[in-house]
N, C-alpha and C. Protein backbone atom coordinates (compact mmCIF):
# COMPACT_ATOMS: atom_id res chain seq x y z
N MET A 1 69.36 -183.06 -67.90
CA MET A 1 68.30 -182.54 -67.05
C MET A 1 68.08 -181.07 -67.40
N LYS A 2 66.83 -180.71 -67.43
CA LYS A 2 66.41 -179.34 -67.66
C LYS A 2 65.85 -178.80 -66.35
N GLU A 3 66.07 -177.53 -66.08
CA GLU A 3 65.57 -176.93 -64.84
C GLU A 3 64.36 -176.05 -65.13
N PHE A 4 63.52 -175.92 -64.12
CA PHE A 4 62.35 -175.04 -64.19
C PHE A 4 62.23 -174.34 -62.85
N ALA A 5 62.19 -173.01 -62.85
CA ALA A 5 62.10 -172.25 -61.60
C ALA A 5 60.88 -171.35 -61.63
N ILE A 6 60.24 -171.23 -60.47
CA ILE A 6 59.05 -170.41 -60.36
C ILE A 6 58.89 -169.96 -58.91
N ARG A 7 58.27 -168.83 -58.73
CA ARG A 7 57.93 -168.36 -57.39
C ARG A 7 56.43 -168.58 -57.18
N LEU A 8 56.09 -169.39 -56.19
CA LEU A 8 54.69 -169.63 -55.83
C LEU A 8 54.25 -168.57 -54.83
N LEU A 9 53.01 -168.17 -54.92
CA LEU A 9 52.52 -167.03 -54.16
C LEU A 9 51.68 -167.42 -52.95
N LYS A 10 51.45 -166.45 -52.11
CA LYS A 10 50.67 -166.59 -50.88
C LYS A 10 49.33 -167.27 -51.16
N ASN A 11 48.95 -168.18 -50.27
CA ASN A 11 47.69 -168.92 -50.27
C ASN A 11 47.62 -170.05 -51.28
N ALA A 12 48.68 -170.26 -52.07
CA ALA A 12 48.68 -171.40 -52.99
C ALA A 12 48.89 -172.69 -52.20
N ASP A 13 48.20 -173.74 -52.62
CA ASP A 13 48.40 -175.07 -52.05
C ASP A 13 49.70 -175.62 -52.64
N LEU A 14 50.68 -175.88 -51.82
CA LEU A 14 52.02 -176.25 -52.29
C LEU A 14 52.00 -177.51 -53.15
N LYS A 15 51.40 -178.58 -52.66
CA LYS A 15 51.39 -179.84 -53.41
C LYS A 15 50.61 -179.70 -54.72
N LYS A 16 49.45 -179.12 -54.65
CA LYS A 16 48.61 -178.94 -55.83
C LYS A 16 49.32 -178.09 -56.87
N SER A 17 49.99 -177.03 -56.42
CA SER A 17 50.71 -176.14 -57.34
C SER A 17 51.81 -176.88 -58.08
N ILE A 18 52.58 -177.69 -57.36
CA ILE A 18 53.66 -178.45 -58.00
C ILE A 18 53.10 -179.41 -59.04
N GLU A 19 52.05 -180.13 -58.70
CA GLU A 19 51.45 -181.07 -59.64
C GLU A 19 50.89 -180.35 -60.86
N GLU A 20 50.23 -179.21 -60.65
CA GLU A 20 49.65 -178.45 -61.77
C GLU A 20 50.73 -177.91 -62.70
N ILE A 21 51.84 -177.45 -62.14
CA ILE A 21 52.95 -176.98 -62.97
C ILE A 21 53.42 -178.09 -63.90
N CYS A 22 53.57 -179.28 -63.36
CA CYS A 22 54.06 -180.41 -64.16
C CYS A 22 53.07 -180.80 -65.25
N ILE A 23 51.78 -180.78 -64.92
CA ILE A 23 50.76 -181.12 -65.92
C ILE A 23 50.69 -180.05 -67.00
N GLN A 24 50.64 -178.78 -66.60
CA GLN A 24 50.52 -177.68 -67.56
C GLN A 24 51.70 -177.61 -68.52
N ASN A 25 52.89 -177.99 -68.03
CA ASN A 25 54.09 -177.93 -68.87
C ASN A 25 54.44 -179.27 -69.51
N ASP A 26 53.58 -180.27 -69.32
CA ASP A 26 53.77 -181.61 -69.88
C ASP A 26 55.12 -182.21 -69.48
N PHE A 27 55.49 -181.99 -68.19
CA PHE A 27 56.70 -182.60 -67.66
C PHE A 27 56.37 -184.03 -67.26
N ASP A 28 57.14 -184.99 -67.73
CA ASP A 28 56.88 -186.40 -67.46
C ASP A 28 57.48 -186.84 -66.13
N THR A 29 58.77 -186.68 -65.97
CA THR A 29 59.48 -187.16 -64.79
C THR A 29 60.27 -186.01 -64.18
N VAL A 30 59.93 -185.67 -62.93
CA VAL A 30 60.43 -184.45 -62.30
C VAL A 30 60.91 -184.75 -60.89
N ILE A 31 61.95 -184.03 -60.46
CA ILE A 31 62.40 -184.07 -59.08
C ILE A 31 62.43 -182.65 -58.54
N VAL A 32 62.24 -182.52 -57.23
CA VAL A 32 62.35 -181.21 -56.59
C VAL A 32 63.82 -180.97 -56.28
N LEU A 33 64.37 -179.88 -56.79
CA LEU A 33 65.77 -179.54 -56.54
C LEU A 33 65.90 -178.60 -55.34
N SER A 34 64.95 -177.67 -55.20
CA SER A 34 65.03 -176.69 -54.11
C SER A 34 63.65 -176.09 -53.87
N ALA A 35 63.38 -175.81 -52.61
CA ALA A 35 62.15 -175.09 -52.24
C ALA A 35 62.48 -174.26 -51.00
N VAL A 36 62.40 -172.95 -51.15
CA VAL A 36 62.69 -172.04 -50.06
C VAL A 36 61.46 -171.16 -49.87
N GLY A 37 60.91 -171.17 -48.67
CA GLY A 37 59.74 -170.36 -48.42
C GLY A 37 59.10 -170.71 -47.10
N CYS A 38 57.82 -170.41 -46.99
CA CYS A 38 57.14 -170.62 -45.72
C CYS A 38 55.67 -170.96 -45.95
N LEU A 39 55.10 -171.64 -44.96
CA LEU A 39 53.70 -172.04 -44.97
C LEU A 39 52.99 -171.41 -43.79
N ASN A 40 51.68 -171.23 -43.92
CA ASN A 40 50.89 -170.81 -42.76
C ASN A 40 49.98 -171.92 -42.27
N SER A 41 50.02 -173.05 -42.96
CA SER A 41 49.34 -174.26 -42.47
C SER A 41 49.99 -175.45 -43.15
N ALA A 42 50.04 -176.55 -42.42
CA ALA A 42 50.67 -177.75 -42.94
C ALA A 42 49.75 -178.95 -42.73
N ASN A 43 49.67 -179.77 -43.75
CA ASN A 43 48.94 -181.03 -43.69
C ASN A 43 49.93 -182.11 -44.10
N ILE A 44 50.28 -182.96 -43.14
CA ILE A 44 51.37 -183.92 -43.34
C ILE A 44 50.93 -185.31 -42.91
N ARG A 45 51.20 -186.30 -43.77
CA ARG A 45 50.99 -187.70 -43.37
C ARG A 45 52.26 -188.19 -42.71
N LEU A 46 52.11 -188.77 -41.54
CA LEU A 46 53.26 -189.19 -40.74
C LEU A 46 53.75 -190.58 -41.15
N ALA A 47 54.92 -190.95 -40.64
CA ALA A 47 55.50 -192.26 -40.92
C ALA A 47 54.50 -193.35 -40.55
N GLY A 48 54.49 -194.40 -41.34
CA GLY A 48 53.55 -195.49 -41.13
C GLY A 48 52.35 -195.40 -42.04
N GLY A 49 52.10 -194.21 -42.60
CA GLY A 49 51.07 -194.04 -43.60
C GLY A 49 49.64 -194.02 -43.10
N LYS A 50 49.44 -193.97 -41.78
CA LYS A 50 48.08 -194.05 -41.25
C LYS A 50 47.58 -192.73 -40.68
N ASN A 51 48.46 -191.97 -40.05
CA ASN A 51 48.05 -190.76 -39.34
C ASN A 51 48.52 -189.51 -40.07
N THR A 52 47.66 -188.49 -40.04
CA THR A 52 48.03 -187.19 -40.58
C THR A 52 47.87 -186.14 -39.49
N ILE A 53 48.62 -185.06 -39.65
CA ILE A 53 48.44 -183.92 -38.76
C ILE A 53 48.18 -182.69 -39.63
N GLU A 54 47.33 -181.82 -39.13
CA GLU A 54 47.08 -180.56 -39.79
C GLU A 54 47.29 -179.47 -38.75
N VAL A 55 48.25 -178.59 -39.03
CA VAL A 55 48.63 -177.55 -38.08
C VAL A 55 48.54 -176.21 -38.78
N LYS A 56 47.82 -175.28 -38.17
CA LYS A 56 47.68 -173.94 -38.73
C LYS A 56 48.54 -172.98 -37.92
N GLU A 57 49.78 -172.84 -38.36
CA GLU A 57 50.71 -171.87 -37.79
C GLU A 57 51.79 -171.61 -38.81
N ASP A 58 52.64 -170.63 -38.55
CA ASP A 58 53.69 -170.27 -39.48
C ASP A 58 54.85 -171.25 -39.39
N PHE A 59 55.33 -171.68 -40.56
CA PHE A 59 56.45 -172.60 -40.66
C PHE A 59 57.41 -172.12 -41.74
N GLU A 60 58.69 -172.38 -41.53
CA GLU A 60 59.69 -172.25 -42.58
C GLU A 60 59.86 -173.61 -43.23
N ILE A 61 60.00 -173.63 -44.55
CA ILE A 61 60.30 -174.88 -45.25
C ILE A 61 61.79 -175.15 -45.07
N VAL A 62 62.11 -176.20 -44.34
CA VAL A 62 63.50 -176.59 -44.11
C VAL A 62 64.00 -177.44 -45.29
N SER A 63 63.14 -178.33 -45.78
CA SER A 63 63.47 -179.11 -46.96
C SER A 63 62.19 -179.62 -47.60
N LEU A 64 62.27 -179.83 -48.89
CA LEU A 64 61.20 -180.45 -49.67
C LEU A 64 61.88 -181.27 -50.74
N ASN A 65 61.57 -182.54 -50.79
CA ASN A 65 62.13 -183.36 -51.86
C ASN A 65 61.11 -184.37 -52.32
N GLY A 66 61.35 -184.92 -53.48
CA GLY A 66 60.44 -185.92 -53.98
C GLY A 66 60.44 -186.00 -55.49
N THR A 67 59.50 -186.80 -55.97
CA THR A 67 59.36 -187.05 -57.40
C THR A 67 57.93 -186.77 -57.84
N ILE A 68 57.82 -186.39 -59.11
CA ILE A 68 56.52 -186.18 -59.72
C ILE A 68 56.55 -186.94 -61.04
N SER A 69 55.56 -187.79 -61.24
CA SER A 69 55.46 -188.59 -62.46
C SER A 69 54.11 -188.31 -63.10
N LYS A 70 54.14 -187.64 -64.25
CA LYS A 70 52.91 -187.30 -64.97
C LYS A 70 51.90 -186.61 -64.07
N GLY A 71 52.38 -185.73 -63.20
CA GLY A 71 51.51 -184.96 -62.32
C GLY A 71 51.18 -185.62 -61.00
N ASN A 72 51.57 -186.88 -60.80
CA ASN A 72 51.34 -187.58 -59.54
C ASN A 72 52.60 -187.48 -58.69
N SER A 73 52.46 -186.91 -57.50
CA SER A 73 53.65 -186.61 -56.72
C SER A 73 53.83 -187.51 -55.50
N HIS A 74 55.07 -187.62 -55.11
CA HIS A 74 55.48 -188.25 -53.85
C HIS A 74 56.49 -187.29 -53.23
N LEU A 75 55.99 -186.46 -52.31
CA LEU A 75 56.79 -185.37 -51.77
C LEU A 75 56.89 -185.47 -50.25
N HIS A 76 58.11 -185.30 -49.74
CA HIS A 76 58.34 -185.26 -48.30
C HIS A 76 58.81 -183.86 -47.94
N ILE A 77 58.33 -183.38 -46.79
CA ILE A 77 58.64 -182.01 -46.37
C ILE A 77 59.08 -182.00 -44.91
N SER A 78 60.02 -181.11 -44.60
CA SER A 78 60.41 -180.81 -43.22
C SER A 78 60.15 -179.33 -42.99
N LEU A 79 59.57 -179.01 -41.84
CA LEU A 79 59.20 -177.64 -41.51
C LEU A 79 59.69 -177.30 -40.11
N SER A 80 60.03 -176.02 -39.90
CA SER A 80 60.38 -175.58 -38.55
C SER A 80 59.42 -174.47 -38.13
N ASP A 81 59.09 -174.47 -36.82
CA ASP A 81 58.18 -173.45 -36.29
C ASP A 81 58.98 -172.26 -35.76
N GLU A 82 58.30 -171.35 -35.07
CA GLU A 82 58.95 -170.10 -34.65
C GLU A 82 60.02 -170.27 -33.59
N ILE A 83 60.09 -171.44 -32.94
CA ILE A 83 61.17 -171.67 -31.97
C ILE A 83 62.14 -172.76 -32.45
N GLY A 84 61.99 -173.17 -33.70
CA GLY A 84 62.93 -174.10 -34.30
C GLY A 84 62.56 -175.56 -34.21
N ASN A 85 61.43 -175.88 -33.61
CA ASN A 85 60.99 -177.28 -33.59
C ASN A 85 60.60 -177.71 -35.00
N CYS A 86 60.96 -178.94 -35.34
CA CYS A 86 60.71 -179.44 -36.70
C CYS A 86 59.66 -180.54 -36.70
N ILE A 87 58.88 -180.56 -37.77
CA ILE A 87 57.98 -181.66 -38.07
C ILE A 87 58.19 -182.02 -39.52
N GLY A 88 57.82 -183.22 -39.87
CA GLY A 88 57.98 -183.60 -41.26
C GLY A 88 57.24 -184.85 -41.59
N GLY A 89 57.13 -185.10 -42.88
CA GLY A 89 56.47 -186.29 -43.38
C GLY A 89 56.06 -186.09 -44.82
N HIS A 90 55.03 -186.82 -45.21
CA HIS A 90 54.52 -186.83 -46.58
C HIS A 90 53.61 -185.63 -46.79
N LEU A 91 53.98 -184.73 -47.70
CA LEU A 91 53.20 -183.53 -47.97
C LEU A 91 51.83 -183.90 -48.52
N GLN A 92 50.79 -183.31 -47.93
CA GLN A 92 49.41 -183.53 -48.35
C GLN A 92 48.83 -182.23 -48.91
N TYR A 93 47.71 -182.36 -49.62
CA TYR A 93 46.97 -181.16 -50.03
C TYR A 93 46.53 -180.43 -48.77
N GLY A 94 46.43 -179.12 -48.86
CA GLY A 94 46.02 -178.32 -47.71
C GLY A 94 47.18 -177.72 -46.95
N SER A 95 48.38 -177.73 -47.55
CA SER A 95 49.54 -177.05 -46.98
C SER A 95 49.72 -175.78 -47.80
N PHE A 96 49.42 -174.63 -47.17
CA PHE A 96 49.31 -173.38 -47.91
C PHE A 96 50.49 -172.45 -47.66
N ILE A 97 50.95 -171.83 -48.74
CA ILE A 97 52.08 -170.91 -48.69
C ILE A 97 51.68 -169.65 -47.94
N ASN A 98 52.59 -169.21 -47.06
CA ASN A 98 52.35 -167.98 -46.30
C ASN A 98 52.70 -166.77 -47.15
N THR A 99 53.97 -166.52 -47.40
CA THR A 99 54.33 -165.36 -48.22
C THR A 99 54.84 -165.77 -49.60
N THR A 100 55.69 -166.79 -49.64
CA THR A 100 56.29 -167.17 -50.92
C THR A 100 56.88 -168.57 -50.83
N CYS A 101 57.13 -169.16 -51.98
CA CYS A 101 57.95 -170.37 -52.08
C CYS A 101 58.70 -170.30 -53.40
N GLU A 102 60.02 -170.24 -53.30
CA GLU A 102 60.88 -170.24 -54.48
C GLU A 102 61.17 -171.70 -54.80
N LEU A 103 60.64 -172.17 -55.90
CA LEU A 103 60.66 -173.59 -56.25
C LEU A 103 61.52 -173.82 -57.49
N VAL A 104 62.42 -174.80 -57.40
CA VAL A 104 63.22 -175.19 -58.55
C VAL A 104 63.01 -176.69 -58.76
N LEU A 105 62.58 -177.02 -59.98
CA LEU A 105 62.33 -178.42 -60.35
C LEU A 105 63.36 -178.86 -61.38
N GLY A 106 63.68 -180.13 -61.36
CA GLY A 106 64.55 -180.73 -62.37
C GLY A 106 63.73 -181.68 -63.22
N ILE A 107 63.72 -181.47 -64.52
CA ILE A 107 62.98 -182.33 -65.43
C ILE A 107 63.97 -183.35 -65.98
N LEU A 108 63.72 -184.62 -65.71
CA LEU A 108 64.62 -185.69 -66.13
C LEU A 108 64.27 -186.10 -67.56
N GLU A 109 64.90 -185.45 -68.51
CA GLU A 109 64.56 -185.63 -69.92
C GLU A 109 64.95 -187.00 -70.46
N ASP A 110 65.91 -187.66 -69.86
CA ASP A 110 66.35 -188.97 -70.33
C ASP A 110 65.59 -190.12 -69.67
N TYR A 111 64.58 -189.79 -68.87
CA TYR A 111 63.82 -190.82 -68.17
C TYR A 111 62.32 -190.63 -68.39
N LYS A 112 61.64 -191.72 -68.43
CA LYS A 112 60.19 -191.73 -68.38
C LYS A 112 59.82 -192.45 -67.09
N SER A 113 58.63 -192.19 -66.61
CA SER A 113 58.24 -192.84 -65.36
C SER A 113 56.75 -193.11 -65.37
N GLU A 114 56.37 -194.03 -64.52
CA GLU A 114 54.97 -194.30 -64.28
C GLU A 114 54.85 -194.86 -62.87
N ARG A 115 53.65 -194.81 -62.34
CA ARG A 115 53.39 -195.35 -61.01
C ARG A 115 52.63 -196.65 -61.18
N ILE A 116 53.20 -197.71 -60.60
CA ILE A 116 52.63 -199.05 -60.71
C ILE A 116 52.39 -199.58 -59.31
N TYR A 117 51.23 -200.20 -59.11
CA TYR A 117 50.91 -200.75 -57.80
C TYR A 117 51.93 -201.81 -57.40
N ASP A 118 52.44 -201.69 -56.18
CA ASP A 118 53.41 -202.63 -55.63
C ASP A 118 52.75 -203.38 -54.47
N GLU A 119 52.58 -204.67 -54.65
CA GLU A 119 51.92 -205.49 -53.62
C GLU A 119 52.69 -205.47 -52.30
N ASN A 120 53.99 -205.29 -52.37
CA ASN A 120 54.81 -205.29 -51.15
C ASN A 120 54.57 -204.06 -50.28
N THR A 121 54.29 -202.91 -50.91
CA THR A 121 54.11 -201.68 -50.15
C THR A 121 52.64 -201.28 -50.00
N GLY A 122 51.82 -201.74 -50.91
CA GLY A 122 50.41 -201.35 -50.89
C GLY A 122 50.16 -200.00 -51.54
N TYR A 123 51.16 -199.45 -52.23
CA TYR A 123 51.03 -198.14 -52.88
C TYR A 123 51.44 -198.25 -54.35
N LYS A 124 50.99 -197.26 -55.13
CA LYS A 124 51.52 -197.12 -56.48
C LYS A 124 52.90 -196.49 -56.35
N GLU A 125 53.92 -197.20 -56.74
CA GLU A 125 55.30 -196.74 -56.63
C GLU A 125 55.84 -196.34 -57.99
N ILE A 126 56.74 -195.37 -57.98
CA ILE A 126 57.31 -194.89 -59.24
C ILE A 126 58.29 -195.91 -59.80
N VAL A 127 58.25 -196.07 -61.12
CA VAL A 127 59.20 -196.90 -61.84
C VAL A 127 59.84 -196.00 -62.89
N PHE A 128 61.16 -195.89 -62.83
CA PHE A 128 61.91 -195.06 -63.77
C PHE A 128 62.41 -195.93 -64.91
N LYS A 129 62.33 -195.39 -66.12
CA LYS A 129 62.89 -196.07 -67.30
C LYS A 129 63.69 -195.05 -68.08
N GLU A 130 64.85 -195.45 -68.53
CA GLU A 130 65.62 -194.54 -69.36
C GLU A 130 64.88 -194.34 -70.66
N GLY A 131 64.44 -193.13 -70.91
CA GLY A 131 63.59 -192.81 -72.06
C GLY A 131 64.19 -193.17 -73.39
N ARG A 132 65.48 -192.95 -73.55
CA ARG A 132 66.10 -193.23 -74.84
C ARG A 132 66.10 -194.72 -75.16
N LEU A 133 65.93 -195.58 -74.14
CA LEU A 133 65.87 -197.03 -74.36
C LEU A 133 64.47 -197.50 -74.69
N TYR A 134 63.45 -196.69 -74.36
CA TYR A 134 62.07 -197.15 -74.49
C TYR A 134 61.28 -196.41 -75.57
N ASP A 135 61.90 -195.45 -76.24
CA ASP A 135 61.17 -194.70 -77.27
C ASP A 135 61.04 -195.51 -78.55
């Protein structure tokens, strides 16, 4: 695994920035290793996949994890507000960085991935393949 670290700046869309980094650097299969920072607005799809919430207030990023395959991401985020209440779910576009986000990605060099529609879930799901076996 190779690591990639970057500091994202104020007003950047968190999800869009992560996907663009992967596309610009031609990263195939990526995982989020660490994300420390804050947002001033959050757009999150809740469990069940039907409802989203958009909240414009200051949040600390408590955790961010997920996978990115050829620029297509599946990211989950947990956030805490100014009194410590937490919200979380599937990160959507429109979640903007307040001051900073220190982001560390892991590039899985021994794996290739693609998203294939899964009839059981109704979504394009990631499929990992060991790259050295498929080259």
